[in-house]
């Protein structure tokens, strides 16, 4: 091949690593966004005032795609066999870099999606259920509940609202999401280190 320097099959592994970094990271971002987005939509029907507060998991899941984009750009710009020899060592380094970042982003996206969905639902939905239960019992005030016992039922349900909503659960959810996001960050760091190893197989 005219003008080609290095192993002809090496770029295959390099471009495969770039594709793997972007595809797997975007898969994790898509799953995390969809999973937590369903929880936000479900909770937003009952508690629309908490939608913007609960959008944090969606944002954190979307960042995962950026990690894969960074590694994919680094790898693709490092593949230029006509300007610099590209050997199998370089292709394997780029492949491992892309897989490290992509699979780490995929696992982080799954964790963010599951935790975000459950955390958002349990910080907003239960109190709404108690509210509708109170309205239902209020409609049965005359027929099913006596005048003496009814005034205590809303008070008990109001206490159930406060305990079920658990504002402190939101802080714990954010901490869990941060540590889940750190998993993808680990993959990004290792991916950058591995991609930097390309080109060091032999002296030019």
N, C-alpha and C. Protein backbone atom coordinates (compact mmCIF):
# COMPACT_ATOMS: atom_id res chain seq x y z
N UNK A 1 0.85 -1.19 0.00
CA UNK A 1 0.00 0.00 0.00
C UNK A 1 0.89 1.24 0.00
N UNK A 2 0.71 2.09 -0.99
CA UNK A 2 1.56 3.26 -1.15
C UNK A 2 1.32 4.26 -0.04
N UNK A 3 2.40 4.71 0.57
CA UNK A 3 2.32 5.74 1.59
C UNK A 3 1.91 5.24 2.95
N UNK A 4 1.65 3.94 3.07
CA UNK A 4 1.22 3.38 4.36
C UNK A 4 2.43 2.88 5.12
N UNK A 5 2.51 3.28 6.40
CA UNK A 5 3.64 2.87 7.22
C UNK A 5 3.14 2.15 8.46
N UNK A 6 3.61 0.93 8.65
CA UNK A 6 3.19 0.15 9.80
C UNK A 6 2.43 -1.08 9.39
N UNK A 7 1.68 -1.67 10.31
CA UNK A 7 0.85 -2.85 10.04
C UNK A 7 -0.48 -2.43 9.44
N UNK A 8 -0.86 -3.07 8.36
CA UNK A 8 -2.07 -2.68 7.64
C UNK A 8 -3.34 -3.00 8.42
N UNK A 9 -3.29 -4.00 9.29
CA UNK A 9 -4.48 -4.37 10.07
C UNK A 9 -4.59 -3.61 11.39
N UNK A 10 -3.55 -2.88 11.75
CA UNK A 10 -3.57 -2.18 13.04
C UNK A 10 -4.65 -1.11 13.14
N UNK A 11 -4.89 -0.31 12.09
CA UNK A 11 -5.95 0.71 12.22
C UNK A 11 -7.33 0.14 12.51
N UNK A 12 -7.56 -1.12 12.11
CA UNK A 12 -8.85 -1.74 12.41
C UNK A 12 -9.11 -1.76 13.91
N UNK A 13 -8.10 -2.15 14.67
CA UNK A 13 -8.25 -2.22 16.13
C UNK A 13 -8.34 -0.81 16.73
N UNK A 14 -7.61 0.13 16.16
CA UNK A 14 -7.68 1.49 16.66
C UNK A 14 -9.05 2.12 16.46
N UNK A 15 -9.58 2.00 15.26
CA UNK A 15 -10.92 2.56 15.01
C UNK A 15 -12.00 1.80 15.78
N UNK A 16 -11.78 0.50 15.99
CA UNK A 16 -12.72 -0.27 16.80
C UNK A 16 -12.74 0.24 18.24
N UNK A 17 -11.58 0.62 18.76
CA UNK A 17 -11.53 1.19 20.09
C UNK A 17 -12.24 2.53 20.18
N UNK A 18 -12.07 3.36 19.15
CA UNK A 18 -12.77 4.65 19.14
C UNK A 18 -14.28 4.45 19.10
N UNK A 19 -14.73 3.51 18.27
CA UNK A 19 -16.17 3.24 18.19
C UNK A 19 -16.69 2.66 19.49
N UNK A 20 -15.92 1.75 20.11
CA UNK A 20 -16.36 1.14 21.36
C UNK A 20 -16.49 2.17 22.47
N UNK A 21 -15.55 3.11 22.52
CA UNK A 21 -15.61 4.14 23.56
C UNK A 21 -16.89 4.95 23.44
N UNK A 22 -17.21 5.37 22.24
CA UNK A 22 -18.39 6.22 22.06
C UNK A 22 -19.69 5.43 22.20
N UNK A 23 -19.73 4.24 21.59
CA UNK A 23 -20.98 3.46 21.58
C UNK A 23 -21.35 3.00 22.99
N UNK A 24 -20.41 2.41 23.70
CA UNK A 24 -20.73 1.90 25.03
C UNK A 24 -21.04 3.04 26.01
N UNK A 25 -20.31 4.13 25.90
CA UNK A 25 -20.60 5.27 26.78
C UNK A 25 -21.98 5.84 26.50
N UNK A 26 -22.32 5.94 25.23
CA UNK A 26 -23.66 6.46 24.88
C UNK A 26 -24.76 5.48 25.27
N UNK A 27 -24.46 4.19 25.23
CA UNK A 27 -25.44 3.22 25.70
C UNK A 27 -25.70 3.40 27.19
N UNK A 28 -24.64 3.59 27.96
CA UNK A 28 -24.82 3.85 29.39
C UNK A 28 -25.56 5.14 29.64
N UNK A 29 -25.21 6.19 28.87
CA UNK A 29 -25.89 7.47 29.03
C UNK A 29 -27.37 7.37 28.65
N UNK A 30 -27.65 6.62 27.59
CA UNK A 30 -29.04 6.47 27.15
C UNK A 30 -29.86 5.69 28.18
N UNK A 31 -29.29 4.62 28.71
CA UNK A 31 -30.01 3.84 29.70
C UNK A 31 -30.24 4.65 30.97
N UNK A 32 -29.20 5.34 31.43
CA UNK A 32 -29.35 6.15 32.64
C UNK A 32 -30.36 7.26 32.45
N UNK A 33 -30.34 7.91 31.29
CA UNK A 33 -31.30 8.98 31.03
C UNK A 33 -32.72 8.45 30.94
N UNK A 34 -32.90 7.34 30.24
CA UNK A 34 -34.24 6.78 30.09
C UNK A 34 -34.80 6.27 31.41
N UNK A 35 -33.97 5.54 32.15
CA UNK A 35 -34.42 4.93 33.41
C UNK A 35 -34.78 6.00 34.43
N UNK A 36 -33.89 6.96 34.63
CA UNK A 36 -34.18 8.03 35.60
C UNK A 36 -35.23 8.98 35.06
N UNK A 37 -35.29 9.16 33.74
CA UNK A 37 -36.32 10.03 33.16
C UNK A 37 -37.71 9.49 33.37
N UNK A 38 -37.86 8.18 33.32
CA UNK A 38 -39.17 7.58 33.59
C UNK A 38 -39.59 7.86 35.03
N UNK A 39 -38.63 7.77 35.95
CA UNK A 39 -38.95 8.08 37.35
C UNK A 39 -39.33 9.53 37.54
N UNK A 40 -38.62 10.43 36.86
CA UNK A 40 -38.94 11.86 36.96
C UNK A 40 -40.33 12.14 36.40
N UNK A 41 -40.65 11.52 35.26
CA UNK A 41 -41.97 11.73 34.66
C UNK A 41 -43.08 11.17 35.54
N UNK A 42 -42.83 10.00 36.14
CA UNK A 42 -43.83 9.40 37.02
C UNK A 42 -44.07 10.25 38.26
N UNK A 43 -42.99 10.76 38.82
CA UNK A 43 -43.10 11.59 40.01
C UNK A 43 -43.66 12.98 39.68
N UNK A 44 -43.34 13.48 38.48
CA UNK A 44 -43.78 14.82 38.11
C UNK A 44 -45.28 14.95 37.93
N UNK A 45 -45.96 13.84 37.68
CA UNK A 45 -47.42 13.90 37.56
C UNK A 45 -48.04 14.29 38.89
N UNK A 46 -47.50 13.77 39.98
CA UNK A 46 -48.03 14.06 41.31
C UNK A 46 -47.38 15.29 41.94
N UNK A 47 -46.09 15.45 41.73
CA UNK A 47 -45.35 16.54 42.37
C UNK A 47 -44.56 17.33 41.32
N UNK A 48 -45.21 18.14 40.51
CA UNK A 48 -44.49 18.86 39.45
C UNK A 48 -43.47 19.85 39.98
N UNK A 49 -43.62 20.30 41.22
CA UNK A 49 -42.66 21.26 41.77
C UNK A 49 -41.29 20.64 42.05
N UNK A 50 -41.20 19.30 42.05
CA UNK A 50 -39.94 18.62 42.32
C UNK A 50 -39.22 18.15 41.06
N UNK A 51 -39.75 18.50 39.89
CA UNK A 51 -39.18 17.99 38.65
C UNK A 51 -37.76 18.52 38.45
N UNK A 52 -37.58 19.82 38.58
CA UNK A 52 -36.25 20.39 38.35
C UNK A 52 -35.24 19.92 39.39
N UNK A 53 -35.69 19.70 40.61
CA UNK A 53 -34.80 19.18 41.64
C UNK A 53 -34.39 17.74 41.36
N UNK A 54 -35.28 16.99 40.74
CA UNK A 54 -35.02 15.57 40.50
C UNK A 54 -34.40 15.30 39.14
N UNK A 55 -34.03 16.35 38.41
CA UNK A 55 -33.47 16.17 37.08
C UNK A 55 -31.98 15.86 37.15
N UNK A 56 -31.40 15.88 38.36
CA UNK A 56 -29.96 15.67 38.52
C UNK A 56 -29.49 14.33 37.94
N UNK A 57 -30.18 13.20 38.19
CA UNK A 57 -29.71 11.93 37.60
C UNK A 57 -29.66 11.95 36.08
N UNK A 58 -30.59 12.65 35.45
CA UNK A 58 -30.60 12.74 33.99
C UNK A 58 -29.36 13.48 33.49
N UNK A 59 -29.01 14.57 34.17
CA UNK A 59 -27.83 15.34 33.78
C UNK A 59 -26.56 14.51 33.97
N UNK A 60 -26.47 13.84 35.09
CA UNK A 60 -25.26 13.04 35.37
C UNK A 60 -25.13 11.88 34.39
N UNK A 61 -26.25 11.33 33.96
CA UNK A 61 -26.19 10.25 32.96
C UNK A 61 -25.75 10.79 31.60
N UNK A 62 -26.19 11.98 31.26
CA UNK A 62 -25.81 12.56 29.98
C UNK A 62 -24.33 12.87 29.86
N UNK A 63 -23.68 13.13 30.99
CA UNK A 63 -22.25 13.44 30.98
C UNK A 63 -21.43 12.23 30.53
N UNK A 64 -21.95 11.03 30.73
CA UNK A 64 -21.19 9.83 30.38
C UNK A 64 -20.86 9.78 28.90
N UNK A 65 -21.77 10.27 28.07
CA UNK A 65 -21.51 10.29 26.64
C UNK A 65 -20.34 11.18 26.28
N UNK A 66 -20.12 12.24 27.06
CA UNK A 66 -19.00 13.15 26.79
C UNK A 66 -17.67 12.45 27.03
N UNK A 67 -17.62 11.59 28.06
CA UNK A 67 -16.39 10.85 28.33
C UNK A 67 -16.01 9.98 27.12
N UNK A 68 -16.99 9.27 26.58
CA UNK A 68 -16.71 8.45 25.40
C UNK A 68 -16.33 9.28 24.20
N UNK A 69 -16.94 10.45 24.06
CA UNK A 69 -16.59 11.34 22.94
C UNK A 69 -15.14 11.80 23.03
N UNK A 70 -14.69 12.12 24.24
CA UNK A 70 -13.31 12.58 24.43
C UNK A 70 -12.32 11.50 24.01
N UNK A 71 -12.54 10.27 24.50
CA UNK A 71 -11.62 9.18 24.16
C UNK A 71 -11.68 8.87 22.67
N UNK A 72 -12.88 8.90 22.08
CA UNK A 72 -13.00 8.60 20.65
C UNK A 72 -12.23 9.63 19.81
N UNK A 73 -12.29 10.89 20.20
CA UNK A 73 -11.56 11.93 19.46
C UNK A 73 -10.05 11.74 19.62
N UNK A 74 -9.62 11.44 20.85
CA UNK A 74 -8.18 11.23 21.09
C UNK A 74 -7.66 10.07 20.25
N UNK A 75 -8.42 8.98 20.22
CA UNK A 75 -7.98 7.80 19.46
C UNK A 75 -7.97 8.08 17.97
N UNK A 76 -9.04 8.67 17.46
CA UNK A 76 -9.14 8.89 16.01
C UNK A 76 -8.08 9.85 15.50
N UNK A 77 -7.74 10.84 16.29
CA UNK A 77 -6.68 11.77 15.86
C UNK A 77 -5.30 11.14 15.93
N UNK A 78 -5.15 10.06 16.69
CA UNK A 78 -3.87 9.39 16.79
C UNK A 78 -3.64 8.35 15.72
N UNK A 79 -4.64 8.12 14.87
CA UNK A 79 -4.50 7.14 13.79
C UNK A 79 -4.26 7.88 12.48
N UNK A 80 -3.01 7.91 12.06
CA UNK A 80 -2.64 8.54 10.80
C UNK A 80 -1.41 7.83 10.25
N UNK A 81 -1.61 6.64 9.65
CA UNK A 81 -0.48 5.81 9.23
C UNK A 81 0.42 6.47 8.19
N UNK A 82 -0.10 7.41 7.42
CA UNK A 82 0.72 8.06 6.40
C UNK A 82 1.70 9.05 7.01
N UNK A 83 1.33 9.63 8.14
CA UNK A 83 2.21 10.59 8.80
C UNK A 83 3.15 9.91 9.79
N UNK A 84 2.66 8.85 10.45
CA UNK A 84 3.47 8.16 11.46
C UNK A 84 3.13 6.68 11.41
N UNK A 85 4.15 5.87 11.57
CA UNK A 85 3.94 4.42 11.53
C UNK A 85 2.95 3.99 12.62
N UNK A 86 2.03 3.12 12.22
CA UNK A 86 0.99 2.65 13.14
C UNK A 86 1.05 1.13 13.17
N UNK A 87 1.49 0.59 14.31
CA UNK A 87 1.70 -0.84 14.46
C UNK A 87 0.57 -1.47 15.27
N UNK A 88 0.61 -2.80 15.36
CA UNK A 88 -0.41 -3.52 16.12
C UNK A 88 -0.40 -3.12 17.60
N UNK A 89 0.77 -2.83 18.11
CA UNK A 89 0.85 -2.37 19.51
C UNK A 89 -0.01 -1.12 19.71
N UNK A 90 0.06 -0.19 18.75
CA UNK A 90 -0.72 1.04 18.85
C UNK A 90 -2.21 0.74 18.72
N UNK A 91 -2.57 -0.17 17.83
CA UNK A 91 -3.99 -0.52 17.68
C UNK A 91 -4.54 -1.18 18.92
N UNK A 92 -3.76 -2.06 19.53
CA UNK A 92 -4.22 -2.71 20.76
C UNK A 92 -4.33 -1.70 21.90
N UNK A 93 -3.41 -0.76 21.95
CA UNK A 93 -3.48 0.27 22.99
C UNK A 93 -4.75 1.11 22.84
N UNK A 94 -5.07 1.48 21.61
CA UNK A 94 -6.28 2.26 21.39
C UNK A 94 -7.54 1.43 21.63
N UNK A 95 -7.49 0.16 21.28
CA UNK A 95 -8.65 -0.71 21.53
C UNK A 95 -8.91 -0.85 23.02
N UNK A 96 -7.87 -1.11 23.79
CA UNK A 96 -8.04 -1.24 25.24
C UNK A 96 -8.47 0.09 25.86
N UNK A 97 -7.99 1.19 25.33
CA UNK A 97 -8.41 2.51 25.82
C UNK A 97 -9.91 2.73 25.61
N UNK A 98 -10.37 2.39 24.40
CA UNK A 98 -11.80 2.57 24.12
C UNK A 98 -12.69 1.66 24.93
N UNK A 99 -12.25 0.41 25.10
CA UNK A 99 -13.06 -0.53 25.88
C UNK A 99 -13.09 -0.14 27.36
N UNK A 100 -11.96 0.33 27.88
CA UNK A 100 -11.93 0.74 29.29
C UNK A 100 -12.91 1.88 29.55
N UNK A 101 -12.87 2.88 28.70
CA UNK A 101 -13.76 4.03 28.89
C UNK A 101 -15.22 3.66 28.60
N UNK A 102 -15.44 2.92 27.52
CA UNK A 102 -16.80 2.59 27.12
C UNK A 102 -17.53 1.70 28.11
N UNK A 103 -16.88 0.63 28.53
CA UNK A 103 -17.53 -0.29 29.46
C UNK A 103 -17.70 0.32 30.85
N UNK A 104 -16.75 1.15 31.25
CA UNK A 104 -16.91 1.86 32.53
C UNK A 104 -18.10 2.82 32.46
N UNK A 105 -18.24 3.50 31.33
CA UNK A 105 -19.40 4.38 31.16
C UNK A 105 -20.71 3.63 31.12
N UNK A 106 -20.70 2.45 30.50
CA UNK A 106 -21.91 1.64 30.46
C UNK A 106 -22.35 1.20 31.85
N UNK A 107 -21.40 0.71 32.64
CA UNK A 107 -21.73 0.27 34.00
C UNK A 107 -22.18 1.45 34.87
N UNK A 108 -21.52 2.60 34.71
CA UNK A 108 -21.93 3.77 35.48
C UNK A 108 -23.32 4.24 35.07
N UNK A 109 -23.64 4.17 33.79
CA UNK A 109 -24.98 4.56 33.34
C UNK A 109 -26.07 3.66 33.89
N UNK A 110 -25.80 2.38 33.98
CA UNK A 110 -26.79 1.46 34.56
C UNK A 110 -27.00 1.77 36.03
N UNK A 111 -25.92 2.04 36.75
CA UNK A 111 -26.04 2.37 38.18
C UNK A 111 -26.80 3.68 38.37
N UNK A 112 -26.48 4.69 37.57
CA UNK A 112 -27.15 5.99 37.70
C UNK A 112 -28.63 5.87 37.37
N UNK A 113 -28.95 5.09 36.35
CA UNK A 113 -30.35 4.94 35.97
C UNK A 113 -31.19 4.27 37.05
N UNK A 114 -30.68 3.18 37.61
CA UNK A 114 -31.43 2.44 38.62
C UNK A 114 -31.56 3.26 39.90
N UNK A 115 -30.46 3.84 40.36
CA UNK A 115 -30.50 4.64 41.59
C UNK A 115 -31.34 5.89 41.39
N UNK A 116 -31.17 6.54 40.24
CA UNK A 116 -31.95 7.76 39.98
C UNK A 116 -33.44 7.50 39.91
N UNK A 117 -33.83 6.40 39.27
CA UNK A 117 -35.25 6.08 39.17
C UNK A 117 -35.85 5.82 40.54
N UNK A 118 -35.21 4.97 41.32
CA UNK A 118 -35.73 4.64 42.65
C UNK A 118 -35.69 5.85 43.58
N UNK A 119 -34.58 6.60 43.54
CA UNK A 119 -34.46 7.75 44.43
C UNK A 119 -35.48 8.83 44.15
N UNK A 120 -35.72 9.10 42.86
CA UNK A 120 -36.69 10.13 42.51
C UNK A 120 -38.10 9.71 42.88
N UNK A 121 -38.43 8.45 42.65
CA UNK A 121 -39.77 7.98 42.97
C UNK A 121 -40.05 8.06 44.47
N UNK A 122 -39.10 7.61 45.29
CA UNK A 122 -39.34 7.53 46.73
C UNK A 122 -39.21 8.86 47.43
N UNK A 123 -38.70 9.89 46.73
CA UNK A 123 -38.66 11.21 47.36
C UNK A 123 -39.87 12.05 47.00
N UNK A 124 -40.70 11.58 46.07
CA UNK A 124 -41.83 12.42 45.70
C UNK A 124 -43.17 11.73 45.60
N UNK A 125 -43.19 10.43 45.32
CA UNK A 125 -44.45 9.78 44.99
C UNK A 125 -45.26 9.39 46.21
N UNK A 126 -44.59 8.94 47.26
CA UNK A 126 -45.32 8.40 48.40
C UNK A 126 -46.18 9.46 49.06
N UNK A 127 -45.67 10.66 49.18
CA UNK A 127 -46.46 11.71 49.82
C UNK A 127 -47.69 12.04 48.99
N UNK A 128 -47.57 11.94 47.67
CA UNK A 128 -48.71 12.20 46.82
C UNK A 128 -49.76 11.11 46.99
N UNK A 129 -49.31 9.87 47.16
CA UNK A 129 -50.27 8.79 47.38
C UNK A 129 -51.04 9.03 48.67
N UNK A 130 -50.36 9.48 49.70
CA UNK A 130 -51.04 9.78 50.95
C UNK A 130 -52.04 10.91 50.77
N UNK A 131 -51.69 11.88 49.95
CA UNK A 131 -52.60 13.00 49.71
C UNK A 131 -53.89 12.54 49.06
N UNK A 132 -53.78 11.68 48.05
CA UNK A 132 -54.99 11.19 47.39
C UNK A 132 -55.79 10.27 48.30
N UNK A 133 -55.09 9.55 49.17
CA UNK A 133 -55.80 8.71 50.13
C UNK A 133 -56.60 9.57 51.10
N UNK A 134 -56.05 10.70 51.49
CA UNK A 134 -56.77 11.61 52.36
C UNK A 134 -58.03 12.15 51.69
N UNK A 135 -57.90 12.53 50.42
CA UNK A 135 -59.05 13.03 49.68
C UNK A 135 -60.13 11.97 49.55
N UNK A 136 -59.69 10.72 49.36
CA UNK A 136 -60.66 9.63 49.24
C UNK A 136 -61.41 9.42 50.55
N UNK A 137 -60.67 9.44 51.66
CA UNK A 137 -61.33 9.27 52.96
C UNK A 137 -62.22 10.47 53.28
N UNK A 138 -61.84 11.61 52.80
CA UNK A 138 -62.68 12.79 53.03
C UNK A 138 -64.03 12.64 52.33
N UNK A 139 -64.01 12.01 51.15
CA UNK A 139 -65.27 11.80 50.44
C UNK A 139 -66.16 10.78 51.15
N UNK A 140 -65.55 9.93 51.99
CA UNK A 140 -66.31 8.92 52.73
C UNK A 140 -66.61 9.36 54.16
N UNK A 141 -66.47 10.63 54.44
CA UNK A 141 -66.61 11.13 55.80
C UNK A 141 -67.97 10.81 56.40
N UNK A 142 -69.02 11.00 55.65
CA UNK A 142 -70.38 10.86 56.19
C UNK A 142 -70.77 9.40 56.30
N UNK A 143 -70.43 8.59 55.32
CA UNK A 143 -70.94 7.23 55.27
C UNK A 143 -70.06 6.22 56.00
N UNK A 144 -68.75 6.34 55.90
CA UNK A 144 -67.87 5.29 56.39
C UNK A 144 -67.12 5.64 57.66
N UNK A 145 -66.95 6.90 57.98
CA UNK A 145 -66.16 7.31 59.12
C UNK A 145 -67.03 8.15 60.04
N UNK A 146 -66.99 7.86 61.29
CA UNK A 146 -67.81 8.63 62.23
C UNK A 146 -67.23 10.01 62.43
N UNK A 147 -68.05 10.91 62.96
CA UNK A 147 -67.64 12.29 63.17
C UNK A 147 -66.56 12.39 64.23
N UNK A 148 -66.51 11.45 65.15
CA UNK A 148 -65.53 11.54 66.24
C UNK A 148 -64.14 11.05 65.80
N UNK A 149 -64.11 10.02 64.96
CA UNK A 149 -62.84 9.45 64.57
C UNK A 149 -62.22 10.14 63.36
N UNK A 150 -63.02 10.77 62.50
CA UNK A 150 -62.50 11.32 61.25
C UNK A 150 -61.45 12.40 61.44
N UNK A 151 -61.58 13.34 62.39
CA UNK A 151 -60.57 14.41 62.48
C UNK A 151 -59.15 13.91 62.72
N UNK A 152 -58.99 12.68 63.27
CA UNK A 152 -57.64 12.18 63.55
C UNK A 152 -56.99 11.51 62.33
N UNK A 153 -57.80 11.10 61.37
CA UNK A 153 -57.24 10.40 60.21
C UNK A 153 -56.37 11.30 59.35
N UNK A 154 -56.81 12.52 58.98
CA UNK A 154 -55.91 13.39 58.19
C UNK A 154 -54.61 13.70 58.91
N UNK A 155 -54.66 13.84 60.23
CA UNK A 155 -53.43 14.14 60.96
C UNK A 155 -52.45 12.98 60.87
N UNK A 156 -52.97 11.75 60.98
CA UNK A 156 -52.09 10.59 60.86
C UNK A 156 -51.50 10.48 59.46
N UNK A 157 -52.32 10.79 58.45
CA UNK A 157 -51.83 10.72 57.09
C UNK A 157 -50.84 11.84 56.79
N UNK A 158 -51.06 13.00 57.40
CA UNK A 158 -50.10 14.08 57.21
C UNK A 158 -48.73 13.70 57.77
N UNK A 159 -48.71 13.01 58.90
CA UNK A 159 -47.43 12.55 59.44
C UNK A 159 -46.81 11.50 58.53
N UNK A 160 -47.68 10.70 57.88
CA UNK A 160 -47.16 9.73 56.92
C UNK A 160 -46.51 10.44 55.73
N UNK A 161 -47.07 11.55 55.28
CA UNK A 161 -46.47 12.33 54.20
C UNK A 161 -45.04 12.72 54.57
N UNK A 162 -44.89 13.33 55.76
CA UNK A 162 -43.59 13.86 56.16
C UNK A 162 -42.54 12.75 56.26
N UNK A 163 -42.95 11.58 56.74
CA UNK A 163 -42.00 10.49 56.89
C UNK A 163 -41.71 9.81 55.56
N UNK A 164 -42.70 9.75 54.69
CA UNK A 164 -42.51 9.04 53.43
C UNK A 164 -41.72 9.88 52.43
N UNK A 165 -41.85 11.18 52.49
CA UNK A 165 -41.14 12.01 51.53
C UNK A 165 -39.64 11.99 51.76
N UNK A 166 -39.21 12.04 53.02
CA UNK A 166 -37.80 11.90 53.40
C UNK A 166 -36.88 12.82 52.58
N UNK A 167 -36.87 14.11 52.88
CA UNK A 167 -35.96 15.00 52.15
C UNK A 167 -34.50 14.59 52.26
N UNK A 168 -34.11 13.95 53.35
CA UNK A 168 -32.73 13.52 53.50
C UNK A 168 -32.35 12.42 52.52
N UNK A 169 -33.34 11.72 52.01
CA UNK A 169 -33.06 10.68 51.03
C UNK A 169 -32.48 11.26 49.75
N UNK A 170 -32.88 12.48 49.43
CA UNK A 170 -32.37 13.12 48.22
C UNK A 170 -30.87 13.34 48.31
N UNK A 171 -30.39 13.77 49.47
CA UNK A 171 -28.95 13.99 49.65
C UNK A 171 -28.19 12.68 49.52
N UNK A 172 -28.72 11.62 50.10
CA UNK A 172 -28.08 10.32 49.97
C UNK A 172 -28.06 9.84 48.53
N UNK A 173 -29.14 10.10 47.80
CA UNK A 173 -29.19 9.71 46.39
C UNK A 173 -28.12 10.43 45.58
N UNK A 174 -27.92 11.72 45.86
CA UNK A 174 -26.90 12.49 45.15
C UNK A 174 -25.51 11.92 45.41
N UNK A 175 -25.25 11.53 46.66
CA UNK A 175 -23.95 10.94 46.98
C UNK A 175 -23.74 9.63 46.24
N UNK A 176 -24.78 8.82 46.17
CA UNK A 176 -24.67 7.55 45.44
C UNK A 176 -24.42 7.81 43.96
N UNK A 177 -25.09 8.80 43.41
CA UNK A 177 -24.90 9.13 41.99
C UNK A 177 -23.48 9.65 41.73
N UNK A 178 -22.93 10.40 42.67
CA UNK A 178 -21.57 10.90 42.50
C UNK A 178 -20.57 9.75 42.44
N UNK A 179 -20.73 8.78 43.33
CA UNK A 179 -19.82 7.64 43.32
C UNK A 179 -20.03 6.77 42.08
N UNK A 180 -21.26 6.69 41.59
CA UNK A 180 -21.51 5.96 40.35
C UNK A 180 -20.87 6.68 39.16
N UNK A 181 -20.94 8.01 39.17
CA UNK A 181 -20.31 8.80 38.11
C UNK A 181 -18.79 8.64 38.15
N UNK A 182 -18.24 8.44 39.35
CA UNK A 182 -16.79 8.28 39.48
C UNK A 182 -16.30 7.03 38.76
N UNK A 183 -17.15 6.02 38.63
CA UNK A 183 -16.75 4.81 37.92
C UNK A 183 -16.41 5.14 36.47
N UNK A 184 -17.23 5.96 35.83
CA UNK A 184 -16.95 6.36 34.45
C UNK A 184 -15.71 7.24 34.39
N UNK A 185 -15.50 8.05 35.41
CA UNK A 185 -14.31 8.91 35.44
C UNK A 185 -13.04 8.07 35.53
N UNK A 186 -13.10 6.97 36.28
CA UNK A 186 -11.96 6.06 36.34
C UNK A 186 -11.64 5.50 34.95
N UNK A 187 -12.68 5.10 34.24
CA UNK A 187 -12.47 4.60 32.88
C UNK A 187 -11.89 5.65 31.95
N UNK A 188 -12.34 6.90 32.12
CA UNK A 188 -11.80 7.98 31.29
C UNK A 188 -10.31 8.19 31.56
N UNK A 189 -9.92 8.18 32.83
CA UNK A 189 -8.52 8.39 33.18
C UNK A 189 -7.65 7.26 32.63
N UNK A 190 -8.08 6.04 32.84
CA UNK A 190 -7.32 4.89 32.34
C UNK A 190 -7.29 4.90 30.81
N UNK A 191 -8.39 5.29 30.19
CA UNK A 191 -8.41 5.36 28.73
C UNK A 191 -7.42 6.37 28.19
N UNK A 192 -7.31 7.51 28.84
CA UNK A 192 -6.34 8.52 28.40
C UNK A 192 -4.91 8.00 28.55
N UNK A 193 -4.66 7.31 29.67
CA UNK A 193 -3.31 6.77 29.90
C UNK A 193 -2.97 5.72 28.85
N UNK A 194 -3.93 4.82 28.57
CA UNK A 194 -3.67 3.76 27.59
C UNK A 194 -3.48 4.33 26.18
N UNK A 195 -4.29 5.31 25.82
CA UNK A 195 -4.14 5.90 24.49
C UNK A 195 -2.81 6.62 24.34
N UNK A 196 -2.29 7.14 25.44
CA UNK A 196 -0.99 7.81 25.37
C UNK A 196 0.15 6.82 25.17
N UNK A 197 -0.09 5.55 25.43
CA UNK A 197 0.94 4.52 25.22
C UNK A 197 1.13 4.20 23.75
N UNK A 198 0.16 4.54 22.92
CA UNK A 198 0.29 4.27 21.49
C UNK A 198 1.45 5.08 20.91
N UNK A 199 2.20 4.44 20.03
CA UNK A 199 3.34 5.09 19.43
C UNK A 199 4.63 4.86 20.16
N UNK A 200 4.61 4.08 21.22
CA UNK A 200 5.81 3.84 22.00
C UNK A 200 6.34 2.41 21.84
N UNK A 201 5.83 1.73 20.83
CA UNK A 201 6.25 0.33 20.66
C UNK A 201 7.69 0.22 20.19
N UNK A 202 8.13 1.17 19.36
CA UNK A 202 9.51 1.14 18.85
C UNK A 202 9.94 2.55 18.49
N UNK A 203 11.20 2.77 18.47
CA UNK A 203 11.73 4.09 18.14
C UNK A 203 11.66 4.32 16.63
N UNK A 204 11.18 5.50 16.29
CA UNK A 204 11.10 5.86 14.88
C UNK A 204 12.45 6.35 14.37
